[in-house]
Amino acid sequence: MLAETSTSSRMDAGERDRVSAVYLSEELGDLDEGANFLNRLSGAELEAACAAGSSCSFSKGEGVFFQGDQHNGIWLIEEGAVRTFYVGPSGREITLAYWTPGHFIGGPEVFGGGTHMWSADAQTDSRLLYLTGSSIRRLVDTIPSFAVCLINGLVAKGKCYSALVQMLGTRSVTERLAQLLIILGDTHGRQEGNRLLIERKITHEHLATIVGSTRQWVTMTLDKFQKKGLITIGRSQIRIENYEMLQSMAS
């Protein structure tokens, strides 16, 4: 279970160096909204909620849950990063989001029941707090503010997936790729003079599964962006050279 440091204090420490969640959205300000869904709890209530769960560790690349598996609860991310993704009947994969500490994964069946609609895997070595559906129900019954927190968390998730559907349904693939670079620049970028260095290491394959395309198409389009002076592509990083022009291409 929990050893030297309590889950609540680890979550408080995580707030001091927040790393934003990443998913396709027109509204950059909403990307990390769900990370604060437990903020309404008092210290004692947060301790009680954490004590109801069990701490689990996952190595980079390890699956947390799988599409079609029985749904039994949710996971709160304490440390690391977790990707949620969907695999279609043809085997084609689309990344739904990259989640960071403070967010939960495993909805929408928070009380358990049914099957998982998508899968999740650890993108880095990660530590998660697992709350079973029955534990969540007891917390809702005994801590009214926890029920409000849960609703707020589900609202944030609903807004996330609504934003994703809107992007996939109304933007071209080129616009989605430009918007994704803007998102990565804003959430994982470091200013270098007039340029913005995306510090997150991300492959062309990763970009492709987020925007709903192929690695080959992403490579070709990034090369076009580079020739237009929008970005510079290094061996393991991307620099945004003209933020305003890239932003206009996204819209």
Foldseek 3Di string as FASTA:
>chain_A
DDPDDALVVLLVVCVVPDFFKAAQFPDLVLRRQLLCLCVLDDPVLVSVLLVQWDKDKAAAFAWPFAFFAFQWAKKAWSAAKKWKWAADPVRQIATLIIDGHSAMDRDDPHLTGDGDHIIMGTNHTTMIITHTSVSLVVSVVPPVSSVSSNVSNVVSVVVSVVRLCCCLPPFDLLLRLLSSVLSQQVRQWDDDPQKTKRPDFDALCRSCNRSVHHSVVSVVSVVVCVVVVQWDDDPGIIMGRDNVVSNVSND
